[in-house]
Amino acid sequence: MTTNSVKPQKLERPDGTPPRVLVVDDEHNLTELLSMALRYEGWEVKAAGTGMAAVRAAREFEPDAVALDMMLPDMDGLEVLRRMREHNDRLPVLFLTARDAVEDRIAGLTAGGDDYVTKPFSLEEVVARLRALMRRTVLVAAEEDDSRLVVGDLTLDEDSHEVTRGGAQIQLTATEFELLRYLMRNPKRVLSKAQILDRVWNYDFGGQANVVELYISYLRKKIDAGREPMIHTMRGVGYVLKPAS
């Protein structure tokens, strides 16, 4: 008996070239293994062993995602992330960390990281997480026919990643964009924190649903600030996005 496995969608950049991933870790054996696994996916890979080298590589290589160790010999991962985001504020970053404390996880995400894995991790897990992050910013081979989502005066273009409300441009990070896209695909529907974690972060965040609250607050500041609110909290249930009345 044969079983049919679902092949992951092919990711590619707008010019048709493979996605680029920057791997940053001072453990040479780990970067070698991870780089091999990523190249096996058909992606271009560059490695760096220090924070300064990583910042330089991010500017020259222009990666579509970064796997970034939190602890580097010359600076911590949060500082590396800050410097990278000065050059590209939409660059998706997956933190690699030996720390398993909730506070450390949330600190990385609060600083702008999009996801994290704790060491030791499986190569398959890192590949899956990076694939999920790049699906938000890199073109997928099988595109949908209509790329625009519209709820009230809020518009989101899934191809260009442009978001406007009332004609005013709104700048979102990769994770904020993915969260808003999920809300806009389900207008007037109450979504639980568990549903949002599963669909936006692509895994159970260890029960740490406060990361959803964090990103909802980020979205509200950008979408609803100075306007009639569209994002509403249903206490004890979840969140709902609906047109301003």
Protein backbone atom coordinates (compact mmCIF):
# COMPACT_ATOMS: atom_id res chain seq x y z
CA MET A 1 0.00 0.00 0.00
CA THR A 2 1.32 3.45 -0.88
CA THR A 3 0.68 6.63 1.03
CA ASN A 4 0.54 10.01 -0.60
CA SER A 5 2.39 12.77 1.23
CA VAL A 6 1.54 16.42 0.68
CA LYS A 7 4.50 18.25 -0.81
CA PRO A 8 5.12 21.69 0.71
CA GLN A 9 4.39 24.64 -1.55
CA LYS A 10 7.43 25.95 -3.33
CA LEU A 11 8.58 29.33 -2.08
CA GLU A 12 10.30 31.80 -4.34
CA ARG A 13 11.27 35.46 -4.39
CA PRO A 14 9.43 37.92 -6.69
CA ASP A 15 12.19 37.51 -9.30
CA GLY A 16 11.73 33.72 -9.29
CA THR A 17 14.96 32.96 -7.40
CA PRO A 18 15.04 30.75 -4.26
CA PRO A 19 14.43 32.31 -0.82
CA ARG A 20 17.51 33.40 1.13
CA VAL A 21 18.07 32.46 4.77
CA LEU A 22 20.75 33.82 7.10
CA VAL A 23 21.83 31.46 9.90
CA VAL A 24 23.51 33.14 12.88
CA ASP A 25 25.12 31.05 15.62
CA ASP A 26 28.62 30.78 17.08
CA GLU A 27 28.42 26.96 17.20
CA HIS A 28 30.03 26.03 13.89
CA ASN A 29 28.73 22.44 13.83
CA LEU A 30 25.18 23.64 14.37
CA THR A 31 25.33 26.23 11.59
CA GLU A 32 26.78 23.63 9.23
CA LEU A 33 23.99 21.14 9.94
CA LEU A 34 21.26 23.74 9.74
CA SER A 35 22.68 25.24 6.55
CA MET A 36 22.74 21.79 4.92
CA ALA A 37 19.10 21.19 5.89
CA LEU A 38 18.04 24.55 4.48
CA ARG A 39 19.97 24.05 1.23
CA TYR A 40 18.23 20.69 0.88
CA GLU A 41 14.98 22.70 0.71
CA GLY A 42 16.44 24.50 -2.29
CA TRP A 43 17.05 27.75 -0.42
CA GLU A 44 20.15 29.95 -0.55
CA VAL A 45 21.95 30.05 2.80
CA LYS A 46 24.60 32.27 4.36
CA ALA A 47 26.03 31.72 7.86
CA ALA A 48 27.52 34.11 10.42
CA GLY A 49 29.15 33.40 13.78
CA THR A 50 29.07 36.84 15.40
CA GLY A 51 26.60 39.68 15.75
CA MET A 52 28.66 42.11 13.69
CA ALA A 53 29.07 39.55 10.90
CA ALA A 54 25.32 38.92 10.99
CA VAL A 55 24.44 42.62 10.67
CA ARG A 56 26.85 42.94 7.74
CA ALA A 57 25.48 39.80 6.08
CA ALA A 58 21.89 41.00 6.49
CA ARG A 59 22.73 44.14 4.51
CA GLU A 60 24.76 42.42 1.78
CA PHE A 61 22.87 39.11 1.43
CA GLU A 62 19.38 40.61 1.92
CA PRO A 63 17.85 37.43 3.40
CA ASP A 64 14.14 36.64 3.42
CA ALA A 65 14.40 35.20 6.95
CA VAL A 66 16.99 34.89 9.72
CA ALA A 67 17.60 32.09 12.22
CA LEU A 68 19.29 34.04 15.02
CA ASP A 69 20.95 32.76 18.17
CA MET A 70 20.07 34.81 21.27
CA MET A 71 23.58 34.50 22.77
CA LEU A 72 26.50 35.55 20.57
CA PRO A 73 30.10 36.28 21.61
CA ASP A 74 30.05 40.01 20.80
CA MET A 75 26.42 41.07 21.36
CA ASP A 76 23.08 39.52 22.24
CA GLY A 77 20.49 38.55 19.67
CA LEU A 78 18.13 41.38 20.62
CA GLU A 79 20.76 43.97 19.69
CA VAL A 80 21.50 42.14 16.42
CA LEU A 81 17.77 42.15 15.64
CA ARG A 82 17.52 45.88 16.37
CA ARG A 83 20.39 46.66 13.98
CA MET A 84 19.01 44.39 11.26
CA ARG A 85 15.59 46.01 11.52
CA GLU A 86 17.16 49.44 10.97
CA HIS A 87 17.97 48.24 7.46
CA ASN A 88 14.84 46.09 6.89
CA ASP A 89 12.00 46.54 9.36
CA ARG A 90 9.99 43.65 7.88
CA LEU A 91 12.71 40.98 8.07
CA PRO A 92 11.27 37.82 9.71
CA VAL A 93 13.45 36.49 12.55
CA LEU A 94 13.38 33.09 14.25
CA PHE A 95 15.26 33.13 17.56
CA LEU A 96 17.37 30.13 18.52
CA THR A 97 17.72 30.02 22.28
CA ALA A 98 18.89 27.75 25.05
CA ARG A 99 16.66 29.63 27.45
CA ASP A 100 13.33 28.02 28.14
CA ALA A 101 11.92 30.52 30.62
CA VAL A 102 8.65 32.16 29.62
CA GLU A 103 10.15 35.61 30.31
CA ASP A 104 12.93 35.01 27.78
CA ARG A 105 10.53 33.83 25.12
CA ILE A 106 8.28 36.84 25.54
CA ALA A 107 11.28 39.21 25.67
CA GLY A 108 12.40 38.03 22.24
CA LEU A 109 8.94 38.40 20.75
CA THR A 110 8.35 41.76 22.41
CA ALA A 111 11.61 43.01 20.90
CA GLY A 112 10.27 42.17 17.44
CA GLY A 113 11.21 38.53 16.90
CA ASP A 114 8.57 36.57 15.00
CA ASP A 115 9.11 33.10 16.47
CA TYR A 116 11.58 31.05 18.50
CA VAL A 117 12.82 27.50 19.07
CA THR A 118 14.68 26.25 22.13
CA LYS A 119 17.84 24.15 21.93
CA PRO A 120 18.17 21.28 21.38
CA PHE A 121 15.78 21.42 18.44
CA SER A 122 15.15 19.22 15.42
CA LEU A 123 16.27 20.46 12.02
CA GLU A 124 12.79 19.66 10.69
CA GLU A 125 11.24 21.99 13.25
CA VAL A 126 13.50 24.90 12.30
CA VAL A 127 12.82 24.36 8.59
CA ALA A 128 9.07 24.28 9.26
CA ARG A 129 9.16 27.45 11.34
CA LEU A 130 11.24 29.32 8.73
CA ARG A 131 8.93 28.13 5.97
CA ALA A 132 5.94 29.45 7.92
CA LEU A 133 7.63 32.83 8.41
CA MET A 134 8.63 33.15 4.75
CA ARG A 135 5.15 32.25 3.56
CA ARG A 136 4.20 35.68 4.94
CA THR A 137 6.80 37.64 2.96
CA VAL A 138 8.01 35.51 0.03
CA LEU A 139 5.90 34.71 -3.00
CA VAL A 140 4.36 31.24 -3.02
CA ALA A 141 4.26 29.43 -6.36
CA ALA A 142 0.51 28.77 -6.15
CA GLU A 143 -1.01 32.21 -5.77
CA GLU A 144 -4.64 32.96 -5.03
CA ASP A 145 -6.70 34.73 -7.70
CA ASP A 146 -7.87 37.68 -5.58
CA SER A 147 -5.14 39.13 -3.43
CA ARG A 148 -7.19 41.85 -1.72
CA LEU A 149 -9.11 41.51 1.53
CA VAL A 150 -11.56 44.29 2.39
CA VAL A 151 -13.43 44.81 5.67
CA GLY A 152 -15.15 48.20 5.97
CA ASP A 153 -12.57 50.87 5.17
CA LEU A 154 -9.68 48.48 5.91
CA THR A 155 -7.89 46.91 2.92
CA LEU A 156 -5.08 44.33 2.87
CA ASP A 157 -3.26 43.23 -0.28
CA GLU A 158 -1.83 39.72 0.19
CA ASP A 159 0.58 40.10 -2.75
CA SER A 160 2.05 43.55 -2.17
CA HIS A 161 1.57 43.39 1.65
CA GLU A 162 0.09 46.88 1.55
CA VAL A 163 -2.45 47.73 4.24
CA THR A 164 -4.62 50.85 4.26
CA ARG A 165 -7.47 52.17 6.37
CA GLY A 166 -9.53 54.99 4.99
CA GLY A 167 -6.87 55.35 2.29
CA ALA A 168 -4.07 55.90 4.83
CA GLN A 169 -1.08 53.56 4.54
CA ILE A 170 -0.33 51.36 7.59
CA GLN A 171 3.10 49.75 8.12
CA LEU A 172 3.00 46.30 9.76
CA THR A 173 5.66 43.77 10.75
CA ALA A 174 5.44 40.26 9.24
CA THR A 175 3.67 38.83 12.30
CA GLU A 176 1.27 41.78 12.60
CA PHE A 177 0.42 41.36 8.92
CA GLU A 178 -0.27 37.65 9.32
CA LEU A 179 -2.46 38.27 12.38
CA LEU A 180 -4.46 40.96 10.59
CA ARG A 181 -4.83 38.73 7.53
CA TYR A 182 -6.30 35.95 9.68
CA LEU A 183 -8.72 38.39 11.33
CA MET A 184 -9.76 39.83 7.96
CA ARG A 185 -10.31 36.40 6.47
CA ASN A 186 -12.80 35.80 9.29
CA PRO A 187 -14.69 39.11 9.65
CA LYS A 188 -17.38 39.30 12.35
CA ARG A 189 -16.26 35.87 13.60
CA VAL A 190 -14.96 35.54 17.16
CA LEU A 191 -11.55 33.82 17.12
CA SER A 192 -10.14 32.27 20.28
CA LYS A 193 -6.54 32.77 21.38
CA ALA A 194 -5.92 29.07 20.71
CA GLN A 195 -7.18 29.41 17.13
CA ILE A 196 -5.01 32.47 16.54
CA LEU A 197 -1.92 30.74 17.96
CA ASP A 198 -2.49 27.73 15.75
CA ARG A 199 -3.08 29.68 12.54
CA VAL A 200 -0.70 32.65 12.93
CA TRP A 201 2.18 31.05 14.80
CA ASN A 202 1.57 27.59 13.27
CA TYR A 203 1.99 25.77 16.57
CA ASP A 204 0.84 25.69 20.18
CA PHE A 205 2.85 28.40 21.91
CA GLY A 206 3.22 26.37 25.09
CA GLY A 207 -0.04 27.78 26.35
CA GLN A 208 1.43 31.30 26.40
CA ALA A 209 -1.63 33.02 25.00
CA ASN A 210 -0.39 36.40 26.25
CA VAL A 211 1.66 36.68 23.06
CA VAL A 212 -1.69 37.00 21.25
CA GLU A 213 -2.74 39.83 23.59
CA LEU A 214 0.60 41.49 22.90
CA TYR A 215 0.21 41.43 19.12
CA ILE A 216 -3.46 42.41 19.27
CA SER A 217 -2.37 45.51 21.21
CA TYR A 218 0.27 46.25 18.54
CA LEU A 219 -2.39 45.98 15.81
CA ARG A 220 -4.85 48.19 17.67
CA LYS A 221 -2.26 50.97 17.95
CA LYS A 222 -1.80 50.90 14.18
CA ILE A 223 -5.29 50.03 12.92
CA ASP A 224 -7.60 51.66 15.47
CA ALA A 225 -5.55 54.56 16.88
CA GLY A 226 -7.54 57.79 16.50
CA ARG A 227 -10.31 55.95 14.67
CA GLU A 228 -13.48 54.06 15.52
CA PRO A 229 -12.30 50.60 16.70
CA MET A 230 -12.53 47.58 14.42
CA ILE A 231 -10.76 45.04 16.67
CA HIS A 232 -12.88 44.03 19.65
CA THR A 233 -12.21 41.80 22.67
CA MET A 234 -14.91 39.31 23.65
CA ARG A 235 -13.93 38.64 27.25
CA GLY A 236 -13.29 34.99 27.99
CA VAL A 237 -13.85 34.08 24.33
CA GLY A 238 -11.40 35.81 22.00
CA TYR A 239 -11.22 38.61 19.42
CA VAL A 240 -13.32 39.76 16.51
CA LEU A 241 -12.71 42.21 13.67
CA LYS A 242 -15.70 43.98 12.16
CA PRO A 243 -16.38 47.14 10.16
CA ALA A 244 -16.64 50.33 12.17
CA SER A 245 -20.31 51.17 12.56
